[in-house]
Amino acid sequence: KGYPLDPRKGDAISGLPANAADACVFHAGTAPAEGAPVTAGGR
């Protein structure tokens, strides 16, 4: 939220699927946190 000028950080991310042979979710603006990663950047 707020990207590109003022992205918000710290929102919990849920529903991330396991990587498959034909699909991957690559992280960019994330940080590890207890329970689930959180947003840590614009993209």
Full PDB file with SEQRES, HELIX, SHEET, SSBOND, CRYST1, ORIGX, SCALE, CONECT and MASTER records, all heavy atoms in Angstrom:
SEQRES   1 A   43  LYS GLY TYR PRO LEU ASP PRO ARG LYS GLY ASP ALA ILE          
SEQRES   2 A   43  SER GLY LEU PRO ALA ASN ALA ALA ASP ALA CYS VAL PHE          
SEQRES   3 A   43  HIS ALA GLY THR ALA PRO ALA GLU GLY ALA PRO VAL THR          
SEQRES   4 A   43  ALA GLY GLY ARG                                              
SHEET    1 AA1 2 THR A  30  ALA A  31  0                                        
SHEET    2 AA1 2 VAL A  38  THR A  39 -1                                        
CRYST1    1.000    1.000    1.000  90.00  90.00  90.00 P 1           1          
ORIGX1      1.000000  0.000000  0.000000        0.00000                         
ORIGX2      0.000000  1.000000  0.000000        0.00000                         
ORIGX3      0.000000  0.000000  1.000000        0.00000                         
SCALE1      1.000000  0.000000  0.000000        0.00000                         
SCALE2      0.000000  1.000000  0.000000        0.00000                         
SCALE3      0.000000  0.000000  1.000000        0.00000                         
ATOM      1  N   LYS A   1       0.847  -1.190   0.000  1.00  0.00           N  
ATOM      2  CA  LYS A   1       0.000   0.000   0.000  1.00  0.00           C  
ATOM      3  C   LYS A   1       0.888   1.247   0.000  1.00  0.00           C  
ATOM      4  O   LYS A   1       1.866   1.328   0.730  1.00  0.00           O  
ATOM      5  CB  LYS A   1      -0.894   0.010   1.252  1.00  0.00           C  
ATOM      6  CG  LYS A   1      -1.846   1.209   1.341  1.00  0.00           C  
ATOM      7  CD  LYS A   1      -2.699   1.115   2.589  1.00  0.00           C  
ATOM      8  CE  LYS A   1      -3.582   2.343   2.749  1.00  0.00           C  
ATOM      9  NZ  LYS A   1      -4.537   2.497   1.614  1.00  0.00           N  
ATOM     10  N   GLY A   2       0.564   2.218  -0.854  1.00  0.00           N  
ATOM     11  CA  GLY A   2       1.325   3.461  -0.914  1.00  0.00           C  
ATOM     12  C   GLY A   2       2.468   3.466  -1.907  1.00  0.00           C  
ATOM     13  O   GLY A   2       3.062   4.511  -2.172  1.00  0.00           O  
ATOM     14  N   TYR A   3       2.817   2.290  -2.454  1.00  0.00           N  
ATOM     15  CA  TYR A   3       3.896   2.233  -3.448  1.00  0.00           C  
ATOM     16  C   TYR A   3       3.442   2.974  -4.704  1.00  0.00           C  
ATOM     17  O   TYR A   3       2.277   2.904  -5.073  1.00  0.00           O  
ATOM     18  CB  TYR A   3       4.218   0.763  -3.773  1.00  0.00           C  
ATOM     19  CG  TYR A   3       5.300   0.560  -4.807  1.00  0.00           C  
ATOM     20  CD1 TYR A   3       6.632   0.765  -4.474  1.00  0.00           C  
ATOM     21  CD2 TYR A   3       4.991   0.183  -6.104  1.00  0.00           C  
ATOM     22  CE1 TYR A   3       7.635   0.583  -5.422  1.00  0.00           C  
ATOM     23  CE2 TYR A   3       5.982   0.006  -7.053  1.00  0.00           C  
ATOM     24  CZ  TYR A   3       7.295   0.204  -6.709  1.00  0.00           C  
ATOM     25  OH  TYR A   3       8.280   0.024  -7.647  1.00  0.00           O  
ATOM     26  N   PRO A   4       4.302   3.761  -5.405  1.00  0.00           N  
ATOM     27  CA  PRO A   4       5.762   3.820  -5.259  1.00  0.00           C  
ATOM     28  C   PRO A   4       6.313   4.915  -4.349  1.00  0.00           C  
ATOM     29  O   PRO A   4       7.489   4.876  -4.013  1.00  0.00           O  
ATOM     30  CB  PRO A   4       6.216   4.076  -6.704  1.00  0.00           C  
ATOM     31  CG  PRO A   4       5.119   4.884  -7.300  1.00  0.00           C  
ATOM     32  CD  PRO A   4       3.844   4.369  -6.674  1.00  0.00           C  
ATOM     33  N   LEU A   5       5.518   5.920  -3.971  1.00  0.00           N  
ATOM     34  CA  LEU A   5       6.096   7.051  -3.247  1.00  0.00           C  
ATOM     35  C   LEU A   5       6.206   6.811  -1.750  1.00  0.00           C  
ATOM     36  O   LEU A   5       7.171   7.251  -1.117  1.00  0.00           O  
ATOM     37  CB  LEU A   5       5.254   8.317  -3.505  1.00  0.00           C  
ATOM     38  CG  LEU A   5       5.342   8.901  -4.921  1.00  0.00           C  
ATOM     39  CD1 LEU A   5       4.483  10.146  -5.034  1.00  0.00           C  
ATOM     40  CD2 LEU A   5       6.793   9.224  -5.288  1.00  0.00           C  
ATOM     41  N   ASP A   6       5.254   6.108  -1.144  1.00  0.00           N  
ATOM     42  CA  ASP A   6       5.257   5.971   0.312  1.00  0.00           C  
ATOM     43  C   ASP A   6       4.758   4.591   0.719  1.00  0.00           C  
ATOM     44  O   ASP A   6       3.680   4.451   1.296  1.00  0.00           O  
ATOM     45  CB  ASP A   6       4.366   7.066   0.930  1.00  0.00           C  
ATOM     46  CG  ASP A   6       4.486   7.125   2.437  1.00  0.00           C  
ATOM     47  OD1 ASP A   6       5.530   6.681   2.967  1.00  0.00           O  
ATOM     48  OD2 ASP A   6       3.538   7.591   3.092  1.00  0.00           O  
ATOM     49  N   PRO A   7       5.534   3.533   0.425  1.00  0.00           N  
ATOM     50  CA  PRO A   7       5.070   2.179   0.732  1.00  0.00           C  
ATOM     51  C   PRO A   7       4.985   1.914   2.229  1.00  0.00           C  
ATOM     52  O   PRO A   7       5.861   2.313   2.989  1.00  0.00           O  
ATOM     53  CB  PRO A   7       6.125   1.288   0.070  1.00  0.00           C  
ATOM     54  CG  PRO A   7       7.351   2.142  -0.024  1.00  0.00           C  
ATOM     55  CD  PRO A   7       6.866   3.540  -0.220  1.00  0.00           C  
ATOM     56  N   ARG A   8       3.909   1.231   2.611  1.00  0.00           N  
ATOM     57  CA  ARG A   8       3.725   0.869   4.017  1.00  0.00           C  
ATOM     58  C   ARG A   8       4.451  -0.448   4.296  1.00  0.00           C  
ATOM     59  O   ARG A   8       4.470  -1.350   3.463  1.00  0.00           O  
ATOM     60  CB  ARG A   8       2.232   0.720   4.308  1.00  0.00           C  
ATOM     61  CG  ARG A   8       1.911   0.585   5.790  1.00  0.00           C  
ATOM     62  CD  ARG A   8       0.418   0.671   6.022  1.00  0.00           C  
ATOM     63  NE  ARG A   8      -0.285  -0.529   5.571  1.00  0.00           N  
ATOM     64  CZ  ARG A   8      -1.607  -0.616   5.478  1.00  0.00           C  
ATOM     65  NH1 ARG A   8      -2.355   0.434   5.761  1.00  0.00           N  
ATOM     66  NH2 ARG A   8      -2.174  -1.749   5.087  1.00  0.00           N  
ATOM     67  N   LYS A   9       5.007  -0.576   5.484  1.00  0.00           N  
ATOM     68  CA  LYS A   9       5.743  -1.778   5.866  1.00  0.00           C  
ATOM     69  C   LYS A   9       5.123  -2.403   7.113  1.00  0.00           C  
ATOM     70  O   LYS A   9       4.411  -1.737   7.863  1.00  0.00           O  
ATOM     71  CB  LYS A   9       7.219  -1.439   6.131  1.00  0.00           C  
ATOM     72  CG  LYS A   9       7.938  -0.836   4.932  1.00  0.00           C  
ATOM     73  CD  LYS A   9       9.373  -0.483   5.258  1.00  0.00           C  
ATOM     74  CE  LYS A   9      10.064   0.155   4.054  1.00  0.00           C  
ATOM     75  NZ  LYS A   9      11.482   0.512   4.342  1.00  0.00           N  
ATOM     76  N   GLY A  10       5.402  -3.687   7.302  1.00  0.00           N  
ATOM     77  CA  GLY A  10       4.991  -4.357   8.515  1.00  0.00           C  
ATOM     78  C   GLY A  10       3.700  -5.134   8.432  1.00  0.00           C  
ATOM     79  O   GLY A  10       3.253  -5.698   9.440  1.00  0.00           O  
ATOM     80  N   ASP A  11       3.074  -5.210   7.250  1.00  0.00           N  
ATOM     81  CA  ASP A  11       1.841  -5.984   7.108  1.00  0.00           C  
ATOM     82  C   ASP A  11       2.162  -7.469   6.961  1.00  0.00           C  
ATOM     83  O   ASP A  11       3.028  -7.854   6.166  1.00  0.00           O  
ATOM     84  CB  ASP A  11       1.055  -5.508   5.877  1.00  0.00           C  
ATOM     85  CG  ASP A  11       0.478  -4.119   6.063  1.00  0.00           C  
ATOM     86  OD1 ASP A  11      -0.164  -3.887   7.110  1.00  0.00           O  
ATOM     87  OD2 ASP A  11       0.663  -3.260   5.181  1.00  0.00           O  
ATOM     88  N   ALA A  12       1.442  -8.319   7.711  1.00  0.00           N  
ATOM     89  CA  ALA A  12       1.658  -9.764   7.663  1.00  0.00           C  
ATOM     90  C   ALA A  12       1.191 -10.330   6.328  1.00  0.00           C  
ATOM     91  O   ALA A  12       0.159  -9.913   5.785  1.00  0.00           O  
ATOM     92  CB  ALA A  12       0.919 -10.442   8.800  1.00  0.00           C  
ATOM     93  N   ILE A  13       1.932 -11.285   5.807  1.00  0.00           N  
ATOM     94  CA  ILE A  13       1.626 -11.920   4.513  1.00  0.00           C  
ATOM     95  C   ILE A  13       1.127 -13.336   4.786  1.00  0.00           C  
ATOM     96  O   ILE A  13       1.794 -14.121   5.481  1.00  0.00           O  
ATOM     97  CB  ILE A  13       2.873 -11.964   3.610  1.00  0.00           C  
ATOM     98  CG1 ILE A  13       3.456 -10.559   3.419  1.00  0.00           C  
ATOM     99  CG2 ILE A  13       2.536 -12.594   2.259  1.00  0.00           C  
ATOM    100  CD1 ILE A  13       4.848 -10.552   2.818  1.00  0.00           C  
ATOM    101  N   SER A  14      -0.016 -13.683   4.220  1.00  0.00           N  
ATOM    102  CA  SER A  14      -0.567 -15.021   4.418  1.00  0.00           C  
ATOM    103  C   SER A  14      -0.899 -15.653   3.073  1.00  0.00           C  
ATOM    104  O   SER A  14      -0.992 -14.971   2.053  1.00  0.00           O  
ATOM    105  CB  SER A  14      -1.826 -14.965   5.294  1.00  0.00           C  
ATOM    106  OG  SER A  14      -2.848 -14.206   4.658  1.00  0.00           O  
ATOM    107  N   GLY A  15      -1.099 -16.981   3.104  1.00  0.00           N  
ATOM    108  CA  GLY A  15      -1.523 -17.690   1.900  1.00  0.00           C  
ATOM    109  C   GLY A  15      -0.419 -17.988   0.909  1.00  0.00           C  
ATOM    110  O   GLY A  15      -0.705 -18.322  -0.248  1.00  0.00           O  
ATOM    111  N   LEU A  16       0.828 -17.899   1.324  1.00  0.00           N  
ATOM    112  CA  LEU A  16       1.930 -18.168   0.397  1.00  0.00           C  
ATOM    113  C   LEU A  16       1.955 -19.661   0.045  1.00  0.00           C  
ATOM    114  O   LEU A  16       2.043 -20.511   0.929  1.00  0.00           O  
ATOM    115  CB  LEU A  16       3.268 -17.762   1.016  1.00  0.00           C  
ATOM    116  CG  LEU A  16       3.520 -16.254   1.120  1.00  0.00           C  
ATOM    117  CD1 LEU A  16       4.714 -15.977   2.021  1.00  0.00           C  
ATOM    118  CD2 LEU A  16       3.744 -15.659  -0.272  1.00  0.00           C  
ATOM    119  N   PRO A  17       1.900 -19.998  -1.243  1.00  0.00           N  
ATOM    120  CA  PRO A  17       1.902 -21.411  -1.626  1.00  0.00           C  
ATOM    121  C   PRO A  17       3.325 -21.972  -1.661  1.00  0.00           C  
ATOM    122  O   PRO A  17       4.305 -21.231  -1.754  1.00  0.00           O  
ATOM    123  CB  PRO A  17       1.307 -21.373  -3.040  1.00  0.00           C  
ATOM    124  CG  PRO A  17       1.767 -20.044  -3.583  1.00  0.00           C  
ATOM    125  CD  PRO A  17       1.773 -19.102  -2.409  1.00  0.00           C  
ATOM    126  N   ALA A  18       3.420 -23.275  -1.592  1.00  0.00           N  
ATOM    127  CA  ALA A  18       4.717 -23.931  -1.787  1.00  0.00           C  
ATOM    128  C   ALA A  18       5.105 -23.801  -3.256  1.00  0.00           C  
ATOM    129  O   ALA A  18       4.245 -23.782  -4.143  1.00  0.00           O  
ATOM    130  CB  ALA A  18       4.625 -25.393  -1.387  1.00  0.00           C  
ATOM    131  N   ASN A  19       6.398 -23.687  -3.515  1.00  0.00           N  
ATOM    132  CA  ASN A  19       6.854 -23.628  -4.903  1.00  0.00           C  
ATOM    133  C   ASN A  19       6.562 -24.941  -5.614  1.00  0.00           C  
ATOM    134  O   ASN A  19       6.586 -26.018  -5.010  1.00  0.00           O  
ATOM    135  CB  ASN A  19       8.355 -23.328  -4.957  1.00  0.00           C  
ATOM    136  CG  ASN A  19       8.666 -21.876  -4.628  1.00  0.00           C  
ATOM    137  OD1 ASN A  19       7.801 -21.018  -4.693  1.00  0.00           O  
ATOM    138  ND2 ASN A  19       9.911 -21.600  -4.273  1.00  0.00           N  
ATOM    139  N   ALA A  20       6.268 -24.842  -6.902  1.00  0.00           N  
ATOM    140  CA  ALA A  20       5.980 -26.010  -7.723  1.00  0.00           C  
ATOM    141  C   ALA A  20       6.901 -26.009  -8.926  1.00  0.00           C  
ATOM    142  O   ALA A  20       7.651 -25.047  -9.158  1.00  0.00           O  
ATOM    143  CB  ALA A  20       4.512 -25.992  -8.165  1.00  0.00           C  
ATOM    144  N   ALA A  21       6.851 -27.080  -9.707  1.00  0.00           N  
ATOM    145  CA  ALA A  21       7.721 -27.173 -10.885  1.00  0.00           C  
ATOM    146  C   ALA A  21       7.426 -26.071 -11.894  1.00  0.00           C  
ATOM    147  O   ALA A  21       8.315 -25.651 -12.629  1.00  0.00           O  
ATOM    148  CB  ALA A  21       7.552 -28.541 -11.536  1.00  0.00           C  
ATOM    149  N   ASP A  22       6.174 -25.604 -11.926  1.00  0.00           N  
ATOM    150  CA  ASP A  22       5.797 -24.601 -12.919  1.00  0.00           C  
ATOM    151  C   ASP A  22       5.451 -23.254 -12.303  1.00  0.00           C  
ATOM    152  O   ASP A  22       4.923 -22.374 -12.993  1.00  0.00           O  
ATOM    153  CB  ASP A  22       4.611 -25.093 -13.755  1.00  0.00           C  
ATOM    154  CG  ASP A  22       3.339 -25.267 -12.921  1.00  0.00           C  
ATOM    155  OD1 ASP A  22       3.437 -25.272 -11.670  1.00  0.00           O  
ATOM    156  OD2 ASP A  22       2.258 -25.382 -13.523  1.00  0.00           O  
ATOM    157  N   ALA A  23       5.742 -23.048 -11.023  1.00  0.00           N  
ATOM    158  CA  ALA A  23       5.389 -21.779 -10.391  1.00  0.00           C  
ATOM    159  C   ALA A  23       6.216 -21.546  -9.139  1.00  0.00           C  
ATOM    160  O   ALA A  23       6.460 -22.467  -8.360  1.00  0.00           O  
ATOM    161  CB  ALA A  23       3.902 -21.763 -10.040  1.00  0.00           C  
ATOM    162  N   CYS A  24       6.641 -20.296  -8.950  1.00  0.00           N  
ATOM    163  CA  CYS A  24       7.395 -19.890  -7.766  1.00  0.00           C  
ATOM    164  C   CYS A  24       6.950 -18.496  -7.342  1.00  0.00           C  
ATOM    165  O   CYS A  24       6.669 -17.648  -8.194  1.00  0.00           O  
ATOM    166  CB  CYS A  24       8.895 -19.855  -8.040  1.00  0.00           C  
ATOM    167  SG  CYS A  24       9.664 -21.459  -8.254  1.00  0.00           S  
ATOM    168  N   VAL A  25       6.928 -18.268  -6.044  1.00  0.00           N  
ATOM    169  CA  VAL A  25       6.691 -16.926  -5.522  1.00  0.00           C  
ATOM    170  C   VAL A  25       8.025 -16.401  -5.011  1.00  0.00           C  
ATOM    171  O   VAL A  25       8.569 -16.901  -4.017  1.00  0.00           O  
ATOM    172  CB  VAL A  25       5.646 -16.929  -4.394  1.00  0.00           C  
ATOM    173  CG1 VAL A  25       5.456 -15.513  -3.853  1.00  0.00           C  
ATOM    174  CG2 VAL A  25       4.315 -17.484  -4.909  1.00  0.00           C  
ATOM    175  N   PHE A  26       8.569 -15.417  -5.722  1.00  0.00           N  
ATOM    176  CA  PHE A  26       9.857 -14.837  -5.334  1.00  0.00           C  
ATOM    177  C   PHE A  26       9.604 -13.616  -4.443  1.00  0.00           C  
ATOM    178  O   PHE A  26       8.788 -12.750  -4.769  1.00  0.00           O  
ATOM    179  CB  PHE A  26      10.658 -14.433  -6.569  1.00  0.00           C  
ATOM    180  CG  PHE A  26      11.065 -15.608  -7.413  1.00  0.00           C  
ATOM    181  CD1 PHE A  26      10.482 -15.829  -8.658  1.00  0.00           C  
ATOM    182  CD2 PHE A  26      12.019 -16.506  -6.974  1.00  0.00           C  
ATOM    183  CE1 PHE A  26      10.839 -16.911  -9.440  1.00  0.00           C  
ATOM    184  CE2 PHE A  26      12.390 -17.596  -7.734  1.00  0.00           C  
ATOM    185  CZ  PHE A  26      11.794 -17.800  -8.976  1.00  0.00           C  
ATOM    186  N   HIS A  27      10.319 -13.571  -3.318  1.00  0.00           N  
ATOM    187  CA  HIS A  27      10.164 -12.469  -2.375  1.00  0.00           C  
ATOM    188  C   HIS A  27      11.064 -11.303  -2.769  1.00  0.00           C  
ATOM    189  O   HIS A  27      12.170 -11.503  -3.273  1.00  0.00           O  
ATOM    190  CB  HIS A  27      10.532 -12.923  -0.967  1.00  0.00           C  
ATOM    191  CG  HIS A  27       9.555 -13.880  -0.361  1.00  0.00           C  
ATOM    192  ND1 HIS A  27       8.993 -13.697   0.888  1.00  0.00           N  
ATOM    193  CD2 HIS A  27       9.022 -15.051  -0.832  1.00  0.00           C  
ATOM    194  CE1 HIS A  27       8.179 -14.703   1.167  1.00  0.00           C  
ATOM    195  NE2 HIS A  27       8.188 -15.539   0.133  1.00  0.00           N  
ATOM    196  N   ALA A  28      10.581 -10.098  -2.503  1.00  0.00           N  
ATOM    197  CA  ALA A  28      11.374  -8.894  -2.746  1.00  0.00           C  
ATOM    198  C   ALA A  28      11.381  -8.068  -1.460  1.00  0.00           C  
ATOM    199  O   ALA A  28      12.314  -8.153  -0.667  1.00  0.00           O  
ATOM    200  CB  ALA A  28      10.813  -8.111  -3.920  1.00  0.00           C  
ATOM    201  N   GLY A  29      10.313  -7.291  -1.227  1.00  0.00           N  
ATOM    202  CA  GLY A  29      10.238  -6.481  -0.020  1.00  0.00           C  
ATOM    203  C   GLY A  29       9.565  -7.221   1.110  1.00  0.00           C  
ATOM    204  O   GLY A  29       8.453  -6.877   1.523  1.00  0.00           O  
ATOM    205  N   THR A  30      10.224  -8.258   1.634  1.00  0.00           N  
ATOM    206  CA  THR A  30       9.708  -8.997   2.785  1.00  0.00           C  
ATOM    207  C   THR A  30      10.800  -9.161   3.827  1.00  0.00           C  
ATOM    208  O   THR A  30      11.990  -9.093   3.518  1.00  0.00           O  
ATOM    209  CB  THR A  30       9.188 -10.403   2.392  1.00  0.00           C  
ATOM    210  OG1 THR A  30      10.304 -11.255   2.069  1.00  0.00           O  
ATOM    211  CG2 THR A  30       8.229 -10.342   1.218  1.00  0.00           C  
ATOM    212  N   ALA A  31      10.361  -9.386   5.059  1.00  0.00           N  
ATOM    213  CA  ALA A  31      11.292  -9.662   6.150  1.00  0.00           C  
ATOM    214  C   ALA A  31      10.742 -10.815   6.966  1.00  0.00           C  
ATOM    215  O   ALA A  31       9.521 -10.950   7.111  1.00  0.00           O  
ATOM    216  CB  ALA A  31      11.461  -8.423   7.032  1.00  0.00           C  
ATOM    217  N   PRO A  32      11.606 -11.672   7.498  1.00  0.00           N  
ATOM    218  CA  PRO A  32      11.114 -12.766   8.335  1.00  0.00           C  
ATOM    219  C   PRO A  32      10.523 -12.221   9.631  1.00  0.00           C  
ATOM    220  O   PRO A  32      10.994 -11.223  10.180  1.00  0.00           O  
ATOM    221  CB  PRO A  32      12.366 -13.610   8.596  1.00  0.00           C  
ATOM    222  CG  PRO A  32      13.520 -12.687   8.365  1.00  0.00           C  
ATOM    223  CD  PRO A  32      13.067 -11.678   7.359  1.00  0.00           C  
ATOM    224  N   ALA A  33       9.475 -12.858  10.095  1.00  0.00           N  
ATOM    225  CA  ALA A  33       8.852 -12.492  11.366  1.00  0.00           C  
ATOM    226  C   ALA A  33       8.241 -13.747  11.954  1.00  0.00           C  
ATOM    227  O   ALA A  33       8.039 -14.747  11.258  1.00  0.00           O  
ATOM    228  CB  ALA A  33       7.784 -11.411  11.169  1.00  0.00           C  
ATOM    229  N   GLU A  34       7.930 -13.709  13.250  1.00  0.00           N  
ATOM    230  CA  GLU A  34       7.375 -14.877  13.903  1.00  0.00           C  
ATOM    231  C   GLU A  34       6.010 -15.216  13.316  1.00  0.00           C  
ATOM    232  O   GLU A  34       5.119 -14.370  13.255  1.00  0.00           O  
ATOM    233  CB  GLU A  34       7.242 -14.614  15.406  1.00  0.00           C  
ATOM    234  CG  GLU A  34       6.907 -15.856  16.208  1.00  0.00           C  
ATOM    235  CD  GLU A  34       6.962 -15.614  17.708  1.00  0.00           C  
ATOM    236  OE1 GLU A  34       7.586 -14.614  18.121  1.00  0.00           O  
ATOM    237  OE2 GLU A  34       6.382 -16.429  18.446  1.00  0.00           O  
ATOM    238  N   GLY A  35       5.864 -16.423  12.823  1.00  0.00           N  
ATOM    239  CA  GLY A  35       4.585 -16.857  12.273  1.00  0.00           C  
ATOM    240  C   GLY A  35       4.473 -16.697  10.778  1.00  0.00           C  
ATOM    241  O   GLY A  35       4.063 -17.613  10.077  1.00  0.00           O  
ATOM    242  N   ALA A  36       4.818 -15.527  10.259  1.00  0.00           N  
ATOM    243  CA  ALA A  36       4.679 -15.275   8.818  1.00  0.00           C  
ATOM    244  C   ALA A  36       5.557 -14.094   8.435  1.00  0.00           C  
ATOM    245  O   ALA A  36       5.799 -13.209   9.253  1.00  0.00           O  
ATOM    246  CB  ALA A  36       3.222 -14.978   8.466  1.00  0.00           C  
ATOM    247  N   PRO A  37       6.053 -14.058   7.186  1.00  0.00           N  
ATOM    248  CA  PRO A  37       6.831 -12.895   6.769  1.00  0.00           C  
ATOM    249  C   PRO A  37       5.957 -11.647   6.717  1.00  0.00           C  
ATOM    250  O   PRO A  37       4.724 -11.736   6.614  1.00  0.00           O  
ATOM    251  CB  PRO A  37       7.332 -13.289   5.372  1.00  0.00           C  
ATOM    252  CG  PRO A  37       6.370 -14.329   4.902  1.00  0.00           C  
ATOM    253  CD  PRO A  37       5.910 -15.052   6.115  1.00  0.00           C  
ATOM    254  N   VAL A  38       6.594 -10.489   6.779  1.00  0.00           N  
ATOM    255  CA  VAL A  38       5.874  -9.216   6.712  1.00  0.00           C  
ATOM    256  C   VAL A  38       6.431  -8.380   5.580  1.00  0.00           C  
ATOM    257  O   VAL A  38       7.558  -8.597   5.107  1.00  0.00           O  
ATOM    258  CB  VAL A  38       5.971  -8.435   8.044  1.00  0.00           C  
ATOM    259  CG1 VAL A  38       5.337  -9.224   9.183  1.00  0.00           C  
ATOM    260  CG2 VAL A  38       7.436  -8.099   8.370  1.00  0.00           C  
ATOM    261  N   THR A  39       5.636  -7.411   5.131  1.00  0.00           N  
ATOM    262  CA  THR A  39       6.086  -6.516   4.073  1.00  0.00           C  
ATOM    263  C   THR A  39       7.205  -5.623   4.607  1.00  0.00           C  
ATOM    264  O   THR A  39       7.168  -5.157   5.735  1.00  0.00           O  
ATOM    265  CB  THR A  39       4.939  -5.649   3.542  1.00  0.00           C  
ATOM    266  OG1 THR A  39       4.432  -4.828   4.609  1.00  0.00           O  
ATOM    267  CG2 THR A  39       3.803  -6.511   3.008  1.00  0.00           C  
ATOM    268  N   ALA A  40       8.222  -5.403   3.766  1.00  0.00           N  
ATOM    269  CA  ALA A  40       9.383  -4.607   4.193  1.00  0.00           C  
ATOM    270  C   ALA A  40       9.898  -3.733   3.060  1.00  0.00           C  
ATOM    271  O   ALA A  40      11.035  -3.270   3.103  1.00  0.00           O  
ATOM    272  CB  ALA A  40      10.493  -5.529   4.694  1.00  0.00           C  
ATOM    273  N   GLY A  41       9.080  -3.502   2.053  1.00  0.00           N  
ATOM    274  CA  GLY A  41       9.509  -2.683   0.919  1.00  0.00           C  
ATOM    275  C   GLY A  41       8.337  -2.418   0.003  1.00  0.00           C  
ATOM    276  O   GLY A  41       7.207  -2.865   0.250  1.00  0.00           O  
ATOM    277  N   GLY A  42       8.607  -1.707  -1.084  1.00  0.00           N  
ATOM    278  CA  GLY A  42       7.541  -1.328  -2.004  1.00  0.00           C  
ATOM    279  C   GLY A  42       6.991  -2.483  -2.812  1.00  0.00           C  
ATOM    280  O   GLY A  42       5.795  -2.769  -2.809  1.00  0.00           O  
ATOM    281  N   ARG A  43       7.880  -3.151  -3.533  1.00  0.00           N  
ATOM    282  CA  ARG A  43       7.469  -4.345  -4.273  1.00  0.00           C  
ATOM    283  C   ARG A  43       7.723  -5.540  -3.362  1.00  0.00           C  
ATOM    284  O   ARG A  43       8.858  -5.797  -2.965  1.00  0.00           O  
ATOM    285  CB  ARG A  43       8.242  -4.436  -5.586  1.00  0.00           C  
ATOM    286  CG  ARG A  43       7.841  -3.324  -6.563  1.00  0.00           C  
ATOM    287  CD  ARG A  43       8.558  -3.445  -7.881  1.00  0.00           C  
ATOM    288  NE  ARG A  43       9.988  -3.247  -7.740  1.00  0.00           N  
ATOM    289  CZ  ARG A  43      10.885  -3.589  -8.661  1.00  0.00           C  
ATOM    290  NH1 ARG A  43      10.486  -4.150  -9.787  1.00  0.00           N  
ATOM    291  NH2 ARG A  43      12.170  -3.374  -8.465  1.00  0.00           N  
TER     292      ARG A  43                                                      
MASTER        0    0    0    0    2    0    0    6  291    1    0    4          
END                                                                             
